[in-house]
Amino acid sequence: MLELIEGAVDAVKSYLEANMSTKITALNTEYRDFELANIKQYYIAELAAIPELPAMLVLGGYTLPEREAANYIRAKHYLKVVALASDQDAQQLRRRLYRYVRAIVELLREARSSAGWSYVIVFDRFDYSPVYTSESSFYQDAQVIAHFNKSDTV
């Protein structure tokens, strides 16, 4: 079945939703300086407004087909996993985003080796946006950019 990038996006979103809370609990136990909040909502598209933070977006960027035959397509699917957070302290916000990125990376590495996951994950980059200010808080996002190799059968 051809799932292409939609399959990769759905697999990442589902895996993060199922496992992020446990990973955040482990990070909070390890660091102990402030509490990393659980993700309120996961999205697969950019939105004009995010009702609650922290939030995560799993965004399909593009696909590079590598090989094709009558019964399969092998491709690299480029995705971004974006963590959005806010805090009244800009330095703590930056650390918060570092930890969300760590959580995403560790979970995707676990998924990469878990039984039944058919994607080969290659991390390309981790990006951190500038810190933006609002009336009483700072906002920022961080992105894990990776590509997912998979053969889809027709």
N, C-alpha and C. Protein backbone atom coordinates (compact mmCIF):
# COMPACT_ATOMS: atom_id res chain seq x y z
N MET A 1 0.85 -1.18 0.00
CA MET A 1 0.00 0.00 0.00
C MET A 1 0.89 1.24 0.00
N LEU A 2 0.61 2.18 -0.83
CA LEU A 2 1.37 3.43 -0.89
C LEU A 2 0.93 4.37 0.22
N GLU A 3 1.79 4.54 1.19
CA GLU A 3 1.53 5.50 2.26
C GLU A 3 2.34 6.77 2.05
N LEU A 4 3.55 6.60 1.50
CA LEU A 4 4.45 7.70 1.22
C LEU A 4 4.63 8.60 2.45
N ILE A 5 4.65 9.92 2.26
CA ILE A 5 4.96 10.81 3.39
C ILE A 5 3.86 10.82 4.45
N GLU A 6 2.61 10.59 4.02
CA GLU A 6 1.51 10.57 4.99
C GLU A 6 1.70 9.46 6.02
N GLY A 7 2.18 8.32 5.59
CA GLY A 7 2.44 7.22 6.50
C GLY A 7 3.53 7.56 7.50
N ALA A 8 4.60 8.24 7.03
CA ALA A 8 5.69 8.63 7.92
C ALA A 8 5.20 9.64 8.96
N VAL A 9 4.44 10.63 8.51
CA VAL A 9 3.90 11.65 9.43
C VAL A 9 3.02 11.00 10.49
N ASP A 10 2.12 10.13 10.05
CA ASP A 10 1.21 9.48 11.00
C ASP A 10 1.96 8.58 11.99
N ALA A 11 2.98 7.85 11.50
CA ALA A 11 3.75 6.98 12.37
C ALA A 11 4.50 7.78 13.44
N VAL A 12 5.12 8.89 13.04
CA VAL A 12 5.86 9.72 13.99
C VAL A 12 4.91 10.33 15.01
N LYS A 13 3.82 10.91 14.55
CA LYS A 13 2.85 11.53 15.45
C LYS A 13 2.33 10.51 16.47
N SER A 14 1.95 9.33 15.99
CA SER A 14 1.41 8.30 16.89
C SER A 14 2.45 7.85 17.91
N TYR A 15 3.68 7.65 17.46
CA TYR A 15 4.73 7.19 18.38
C TYR A 15 5.04 8.25 19.44
N LEU A 16 5.13 9.50 19.03
CA LEU A 16 5.41 10.57 20.00
C LEU A 16 4.25 10.71 20.98
N GLU A 17 3.01 10.68 20.49
CA GLU A 17 1.85 10.79 21.38
C GLU A 17 1.84 9.66 22.42
N ALA A 18 2.18 8.47 22.00
CA ALA A 18 2.12 7.31 22.90
C ALA A 18 3.26 7.29 23.92
N ASN A 19 4.39 7.92 23.61
CA ASN A 19 5.59 7.75 24.44
C ASN A 19 6.16 9.02 25.06
N MET A 20 5.72 10.18 24.64
CA MET A 20 6.32 11.44 25.10
C MET A 20 6.15 11.66 26.60
N SER A 21 5.00 11.36 27.14
CA SER A 21 4.75 11.60 28.56
C SER A 21 5.75 10.85 29.44
N THR A 22 6.02 9.60 29.11
CA THR A 22 6.99 8.81 29.86
C THR A 22 8.39 9.40 29.73
N LYS A 23 8.74 9.84 28.54
CA LYS A 23 10.07 10.43 28.32
C LYS A 23 10.21 11.74 29.10
N ILE A 24 9.16 12.56 29.13
CA ILE A 24 9.20 13.82 29.88
C ILE A 24 9.35 13.54 31.37
N THR A 25 8.66 12.55 31.88
CA THR A 25 8.80 12.18 33.29
C THR A 25 10.25 11.79 33.59
N ALA A 26 10.87 11.03 32.71
CA ALA A 26 12.27 10.62 32.91
C ALA A 26 13.21 11.83 32.89
N LEU A 27 12.98 12.76 31.98
CA LEU A 27 13.82 13.97 31.92
C LEU A 27 13.63 14.83 33.17
N ASN A 28 12.40 14.96 33.64
CA ASN A 28 12.16 15.73 34.86
C ASN A 28 12.87 15.11 36.06
N THR A 29 12.90 13.80 36.11
CA THR A 29 13.61 13.10 37.19
C THR A 29 15.11 13.34 37.09
N GLU A 30 15.61 13.34 35.87
CA GLU A 30 17.05 13.53 35.67
C GLU A 30 17.49 14.95 35.99
N TYR A 31 16.77 15.95 35.53
CA TYR A 31 17.24 17.33 35.66
C TYR A 31 16.84 18.00 36.97
N ARG A 32 15.61 17.91 37.41
CA ARG A 32 15.13 18.41 38.70
C ARG A 32 15.18 19.93 38.90
N ASP A 33 15.59 20.72 37.92
CA ASP A 33 15.65 22.16 38.12
C ASP A 33 14.33 22.87 37.82
N PHE A 34 13.56 22.36 36.91
CA PHE A 34 12.20 22.83 36.64
C PHE A 34 11.45 21.70 35.96
N GLU A 35 10.14 21.78 35.98
CA GLU A 35 9.30 20.74 35.39
C GLU A 35 9.07 21.02 33.91
N LEU A 36 9.35 20.04 33.10
CA LEU A 36 9.03 20.07 31.68
C LEU A 36 7.58 19.60 31.56
N ALA A 37 6.73 20.44 31.00
CA ALA A 37 5.30 20.11 30.92
C ALA A 37 5.04 19.10 29.82
N ASN A 38 4.01 18.28 30.02
CA ASN A 38 3.59 17.36 28.97
C ASN A 38 3.04 18.14 27.79
N ILE A 39 3.17 17.57 26.62
CA ILE A 39 2.67 18.19 25.40
C ILE A 39 1.15 18.18 25.44
N LYS A 40 0.55 19.34 25.19
CA LYS A 40 -0.91 19.47 25.26
C LYS A 40 -1.60 18.90 24.02
N GLN A 41 -0.98 19.12 22.84
CA GLN A 41 -1.61 18.69 21.60
C GLN A 41 -0.56 18.44 20.53
N TYR A 42 -0.86 17.51 19.62
CA TYR A 42 -0.01 17.19 18.48
C TYR A 42 -0.77 17.52 17.21
N TYR A 43 -0.11 18.14 16.24
CA TYR A 43 -0.74 18.56 14.99
C TYR A 43 0.08 18.06 13.81
N ILE A 44 -0.56 17.96 12.63
CA ILE A 44 0.16 17.56 11.43
C ILE A 44 0.16 18.68 10.38
N ALA A 45 -0.16 19.90 10.81
CA ALA A 45 -0.14 21.05 9.91
C ALA A 45 0.13 22.31 10.72
N GLU A 46 0.62 23.34 10.04
CA GLU A 46 0.79 24.64 10.69
C GLU A 46 -0.60 25.23 10.92
N LEU A 47 -0.77 25.91 12.03
CA LEU A 47 -2.06 26.53 12.35
C LEU A 47 -1.85 28.02 12.59
N ALA A 48 -2.89 28.79 12.37
CA ALA A 48 -2.81 30.23 12.62
C ALA A 48 -2.63 30.52 14.10
N ALA A 49 -3.20 29.68 14.94
CA ALA A 49 -3.06 29.84 16.40
C ALA A 49 -3.03 28.46 17.04
N ILE A 50 -2.22 28.35 18.06
CA ILE A 50 -2.14 27.11 18.84
C ILE A 50 -2.80 27.41 20.18
N PRO A 51 -3.91 26.74 20.50
CA PRO A 51 -4.66 27.10 21.71
C PRO A 51 -3.91 26.87 23.02
N GLU A 52 -3.09 25.81 23.10
CA GLU A 52 -2.38 25.52 24.35
C GLU A 52 -0.95 25.11 24.03
N LEU A 53 -0.04 25.60 24.85
CA LEU A 53 1.36 25.22 24.74
C LEU A 53 1.75 24.46 26.00
N PRO A 54 2.71 23.58 25.93
CA PRO A 54 3.52 23.21 24.78
C PRO A 54 2.74 22.33 23.80
N ALA A 55 3.15 22.42 22.54
CA ALA A 55 2.53 21.65 21.47
C ALA A 55 3.62 21.12 20.55
N MET A 56 3.26 20.13 19.76
CA MET A 56 4.18 19.59 18.76
C MET A 56 3.48 19.50 17.43
N LEU A 57 4.24 19.77 16.38
CA LEU A 57 3.77 19.62 15.02
C LEU A 57 4.67 18.62 14.32
N VAL A 58 4.08 17.72 13.58
CA VAL A 58 4.83 16.78 12.73
C VAL A 58 4.48 17.17 11.31
N LEU A 59 5.45 17.75 10.61
CA LEU A 59 5.20 18.36 9.30
C LEU A 59 5.97 17.63 8.20
N GLY A 60 5.25 17.16 7.22
CA GLY A 60 5.90 16.58 6.05
C GLY A 60 6.43 17.70 5.18
N GLY A 61 7.69 17.60 4.79
CA GLY A 61 8.31 18.64 3.97
C GLY A 61 8.30 18.29 2.50
N TYR A 62 9.01 17.21 2.17
CA TYR A 62 9.04 16.75 0.78
C TYR A 62 9.54 15.32 0.74
N THR A 63 9.35 14.69 -0.42
CA THR A 63 9.77 13.32 -0.65
C THR A 63 10.71 13.27 -1.84
N LEU A 64 11.80 12.51 -1.70
CA LEU A 64 12.71 12.26 -2.82
C LEU A 64 12.63 10.77 -3.18
N PRO A 65 11.95 10.44 -4.27
CA PRO A 65 11.94 9.04 -4.70
C PRO A 65 13.36 8.63 -5.11
N GLU A 66 13.77 7.45 -4.68
CA GLU A 66 15.11 6.95 -5.02
C GLU A 66 15.07 5.83 -6.05
N ARG A 67 14.14 4.91 -5.88
CA ARG A 67 13.99 3.79 -6.82
C ARG A 67 12.51 3.50 -6.99
N GLU A 68 12.20 3.03 -8.16
CA GLU A 68 10.81 2.68 -8.43
C GLU A 68 10.78 1.46 -9.32
N ALA A 69 9.86 0.57 -9.03
CA ALA A 69 9.61 -0.61 -9.85
C ALA A 69 8.10 -0.78 -9.96
N ALA A 70 7.70 -1.80 -10.64
CA ALA A 70 6.26 -2.02 -10.83
C ALA A 70 5.52 -2.23 -9.52
N ASN A 71 6.22 -2.76 -8.50
CA ASN A 71 5.52 -3.09 -7.26
C ASN A 71 6.00 -2.32 -6.03
N TYR A 72 6.90 -1.33 -6.18
CA TYR A 72 7.33 -0.56 -5.01
C TYR A 72 7.92 0.78 -5.41
N ILE A 73 7.96 1.67 -4.43
CA ILE A 73 8.67 2.95 -4.53
C ILE A 73 9.51 3.09 -3.27
N ARG A 74 10.80 3.28 -3.44
CA ARG A 74 11.71 3.54 -2.31
C ARG A 74 11.96 5.03 -2.31
N ALA A 75 11.76 5.67 -1.13
CA ALA A 75 11.88 7.12 -1.08
C ALA A 75 12.39 7.59 0.28
N LYS A 76 12.92 8.82 0.27
CA LYS A 76 13.27 9.52 1.49
C LYS A 76 12.19 10.56 1.73
N HIS A 77 11.59 10.51 2.91
CA HIS A 77 10.55 11.47 3.29
C HIS A 77 11.15 12.42 4.32
N TYR A 78 11.21 13.70 3.99
CA TYR A 78 11.79 14.70 4.87
C TYR A 78 10.70 15.29 5.75
N LEU A 79 10.91 15.23 7.06
CA LEU A 79 9.93 15.71 8.03
C LEU A 79 10.59 16.64 9.04
N LYS A 80 9.74 17.47 9.64
CA LYS A 80 10.14 18.28 10.78
C LYS A 80 9.23 17.93 11.94
N VAL A 81 9.82 17.76 13.10
CA VAL A 81 9.04 17.66 14.33
C VAL A 81 9.34 18.95 15.07
N VAL A 82 8.31 19.75 15.29
CA VAL A 82 8.47 21.08 15.87
C VAL A 82 7.87 21.10 17.27
N ALA A 83 8.66 21.53 18.24
CA ALA A 83 8.18 21.71 19.61
C ALA A 83 7.97 23.21 19.82
N LEU A 84 6.82 23.59 20.32
CA LEU A 84 6.49 24.99 20.61
C LEU A 84 6.26 25.11 22.11
N ALA A 85 6.89 26.12 22.71
CA ALA A 85 6.75 26.29 24.16
C ALA A 85 6.79 27.76 24.53
N SER A 86 6.37 28.06 25.74
CA SER A 86 6.45 29.42 26.27
C SER A 86 6.92 29.36 27.72
N ASP A 87 7.46 30.49 28.17
CA ASP A 87 7.94 30.59 29.55
C ASP A 87 8.12 32.06 29.85
N GLN A 88 8.05 32.44 31.11
CA GLN A 88 8.28 33.83 31.49
C GLN A 88 9.76 34.14 31.60
N ASP A 89 10.60 33.13 31.60
CA ASP A 89 12.05 33.29 31.68
C ASP A 89 12.66 32.81 30.36
N ALA A 90 13.29 33.71 29.62
CA ALA A 90 13.83 33.38 28.29
C ALA A 90 14.91 32.29 28.36
N GLN A 91 15.75 32.34 29.38
CA GLN A 91 16.80 31.32 29.48
C GLN A 91 16.22 29.95 29.82
N GLN A 92 15.24 29.93 30.68
CA GLN A 92 14.60 28.66 31.00
C GLN A 92 13.84 28.13 29.79
N LEU A 93 13.25 29.02 29.01
CA LEU A 93 12.55 28.61 27.79
C LEU A 93 13.52 27.91 26.84
N ARG A 94 14.71 28.48 26.68
CA ARG A 94 15.71 27.89 25.79
C ARG A 94 16.06 26.48 26.27
N ARG A 95 16.27 26.32 27.58
CA ARG A 95 16.57 24.99 28.12
C ARG A 95 15.39 24.04 27.93
N ARG A 96 14.20 24.56 28.09
CA ARG A 96 12.99 23.76 27.89
C ARG A 96 12.98 23.17 26.48
N LEU A 97 13.29 24.00 25.48
CA LEU A 97 13.30 23.54 24.09
C LEU A 97 14.43 22.56 23.83
N TYR A 98 15.59 22.76 24.45
CA TYR A 98 16.69 21.79 24.32
C TYR A 98 16.21 20.41 24.79
N ARG A 99 15.45 20.39 25.88
CA ARG A 99 15.01 19.12 26.45
C ARG A 99 13.90 18.48 25.61
N TYR A 100 13.01 19.30 25.05
CA TYR A 100 12.01 18.72 24.15
C TYR A 100 12.69 18.10 22.93
N VAL A 101 13.71 18.76 22.40
CA VAL A 101 14.45 18.20 21.26
C VAL A 101 15.10 16.89 21.68
N ARG A 102 15.71 16.88 22.85
CA ARG A 102 16.32 15.63 23.33
C ARG A 102 15.28 14.52 23.41
N ALA A 103 14.10 14.84 23.94
CA ALA A 103 13.04 13.84 24.05
C ALA A 103 12.62 13.32 22.68
N ILE A 104 12.46 14.21 21.71
CA ILE A 104 12.08 13.80 20.36
C ILE A 104 13.14 12.89 19.76
N VAL A 105 14.39 13.30 19.87
CA VAL A 105 15.48 12.51 19.29
C VAL A 105 15.57 11.14 19.95
N GLU A 106 15.52 11.10 21.27
CA GLU A 106 15.61 9.81 21.95
C GLU A 106 14.45 8.90 21.58
N LEU A 107 13.24 9.46 21.49
CA LEU A 107 12.09 8.63 21.13
C LEU A 107 12.19 8.13 19.69
N LEU A 108 12.60 8.99 18.77
CA LEU A 108 12.72 8.53 17.38
C LEU A 108 13.84 7.51 17.21
N ARG A 109 14.89 7.64 18.01
CA ARG A 109 15.95 6.61 17.98
C ARG A 109 15.41 5.29 18.49
N GLU A 110 14.59 5.35 19.54
CA GLU A 110 13.96 4.12 20.05
C GLU A 110 13.03 3.52 19.00
N ALA A 111 12.24 4.37 18.35
CA ALA A 111 11.31 3.90 17.31
C ALA A 111 12.07 3.27 16.15
N ARG A 112 13.22 3.85 15.84
CA ARG A 112 14.03 3.36 14.72
C ARG A 112 14.43 1.90 14.94
N SER A 113 14.65 1.53 16.19
CA SER A 113 15.10 0.17 16.47
C SER A 113 13.98 -0.73 17.01
N SER A 114 12.80 -0.20 17.15
CA SER A 114 11.72 -1.02 17.72
C SER A 114 11.18 -1.98 16.67
N ALA A 115 10.72 -3.09 17.14
CA ALA A 115 10.18 -4.11 16.24
C ALA A 115 8.93 -3.59 15.53
N GLY A 116 8.84 -3.84 14.26
CA GLY A 116 7.65 -3.47 13.52
C GLY A 116 7.68 -2.09 12.89
N TRP A 117 8.66 -1.24 13.23
CA TRP A 117 8.72 0.07 12.59
C TRP A 117 9.55 -0.07 11.33
N SER A 118 8.99 0.26 10.20
CA SER A 118 9.65 -0.03 8.92
C SER A 118 10.42 1.16 8.36
N TYR A 119 10.69 2.17 9.16
CA TYR A 119 11.41 3.35 8.69
C TYR A 119 12.85 3.35 9.16
N VAL A 120 13.75 3.76 8.29
CA VAL A 120 15.13 4.04 8.67
C VAL A 120 15.19 5.55 8.86
N ILE A 121 15.54 6.01 10.05
CA ILE A 121 15.52 7.44 10.37
C ILE A 121 16.94 7.97 10.36
N VAL A 122 17.13 9.08 9.66
CA VAL A 122 18.42 9.77 9.64
C VAL A 122 18.18 11.20 10.08
N PHE A 123 18.85 11.63 11.14
CA PHE A 123 18.70 13.00 11.62
C PHE A 123 19.55 13.93 10.77
N ASP A 124 18.95 15.00 10.29
CA ASP A 124 19.66 15.95 9.44
C ASP A 124 20.09 17.21 10.19
N ARG A 125 19.23 17.70 11.09
CA ARG A 125 19.52 18.98 11.74
C ARG A 125 18.57 19.21 12.90
N PHE A 126 19.04 20.00 13.88
CA PHE A 126 18.18 20.48 14.96
C PHE A 126 18.27 22.00 14.93
N ASP A 127 17.15 22.68 14.78
CA ASP A 127 17.11 24.15 14.69
C ASP A 127 16.36 24.74 15.87
N TYR A 128 16.81 25.92 16.30
CA TYR A 128 16.16 26.66 17.40
C TYR A 128 15.86 28.06 16.90
N SER A 129 14.61 28.46 16.99
CA SER A 129 14.22 29.79 16.51
C SER A 129 14.66 30.85 17.51
N PRO A 130 14.61 32.11 17.09
CA PRO A 130 14.81 33.19 18.06
C PRO A 130 13.69 33.15 19.10
N VAL A 131 13.92 33.78 20.23
CA VAL A 131 12.90 33.90 21.26
C VAL A 131 12.04 35.12 20.94
N TYR A 132 10.73 34.92 20.95
CA TYR A 132 9.79 36.01 20.69
C TYR A 132 9.10 36.40 21.99
N THR A 133 8.75 37.67 22.12
CA THR A 133 8.09 38.13 23.34
C THR A 133 6.62 38.41 23.08
N SER A 134 5.85 38.24 24.12
CA SER A 134 4.44 38.60 24.11
C SER A 134 4.22 39.46 25.35
N GLU A 135 2.99 39.70 25.71
CA GLU A 135 2.68 40.59 26.83
C GLU A 135 3.38 40.17 28.13
N SER A 136 3.31 38.89 28.46
CA SER A 136 3.86 38.47 29.75
C SER A 136 4.73 37.22 29.63
N SER A 137 5.08 36.83 28.43
CA SER A 137 5.77 35.56 28.27
C SER A 137 6.68 35.60 27.04
N PHE A 138 7.55 34.61 26.96
CA PHE A 138 8.41 34.41 25.80
C PHE A 138 7.93 33.15 25.08
N TYR A 139 8.08 33.14 23.75
CA TYR A 139 7.70 31.99 22.93
C TYR A 139 8.87 31.59 22.06
N GLN A 140 8.96 30.30 21.78
CA GLN A 140 10.04 29.82 20.92
C GLN A 140 9.65 28.46 20.36
N ASP A 141 10.29 28.10 19.25
CA ASP A 141 10.12 26.75 18.74
C ASP A 141 11.48 26.15 18.46
N ALA A 142 11.52 24.84 18.44
CA ALA A 142 12.72 24.08 18.07
C ALA A 142 12.26 22.99 17.12
N GLN A 143 13.13 22.66 16.16
CA GLN A 143 12.76 21.70 15.13
C GLN A 143 13.80 20.58 15.03
N VAL A 144 13.30 19.36 14.95
CA VAL A 144 14.12 18.20 14.63
C VAL A 144 13.82 17.88 13.18
N ILE A 145 14.82 18.00 12.33
CA ILE A 145 14.64 17.76 10.91
C ILE A 145 15.32 16.44 10.58
N ALA A 146 14.57 15.54 9.98
CA ALA A 146 15.08 14.20 9.70
C ALA A 146 14.48 13.69 8.41
N HIS A 147 15.09 12.67 7.86
CA HIS A 147 14.44 11.99 6.74
C HIS A 147 14.25 10.52 7.08
N PHE A 148 13.20 9.98 6.52
CA PHE A 148 12.74 8.64 6.82
C PHE A 148 12.77 7.85 5.53
N ASN A 149 13.60 6.82 5.46
CA ASN A 149 13.71 5.98 4.28
C ASN A 149 12.73 4.82 4.41
N LYS A 150 12.00 4.57 3.33
CA LYS A 150 11.05 3.47 3.38
C LYS A 150 10.70 3.04 1.97
N SER A 151 10.46 1.76 1.82
CA SER A 151 9.91 1.24 0.57
C SER A 151 8.43 1.00 0.77
N ASP A 152 7.63 1.57 -0.10
CA ASP A 152 6.19 1.33 -0.10
C ASP A 152 5.86 0.40 -1.25
N THR A 153 5.03 -0.58 -0.97
CA THR A 153 4.61 -1.49 -2.03
C THR A 153 3.30 -1.02 -2.63
N VAL A 154 3.14 -1.33 -3.89
CA VAL A 154 1.93 -0.91 -4.62
C VAL A 154 0.91 -2.02 -4.54
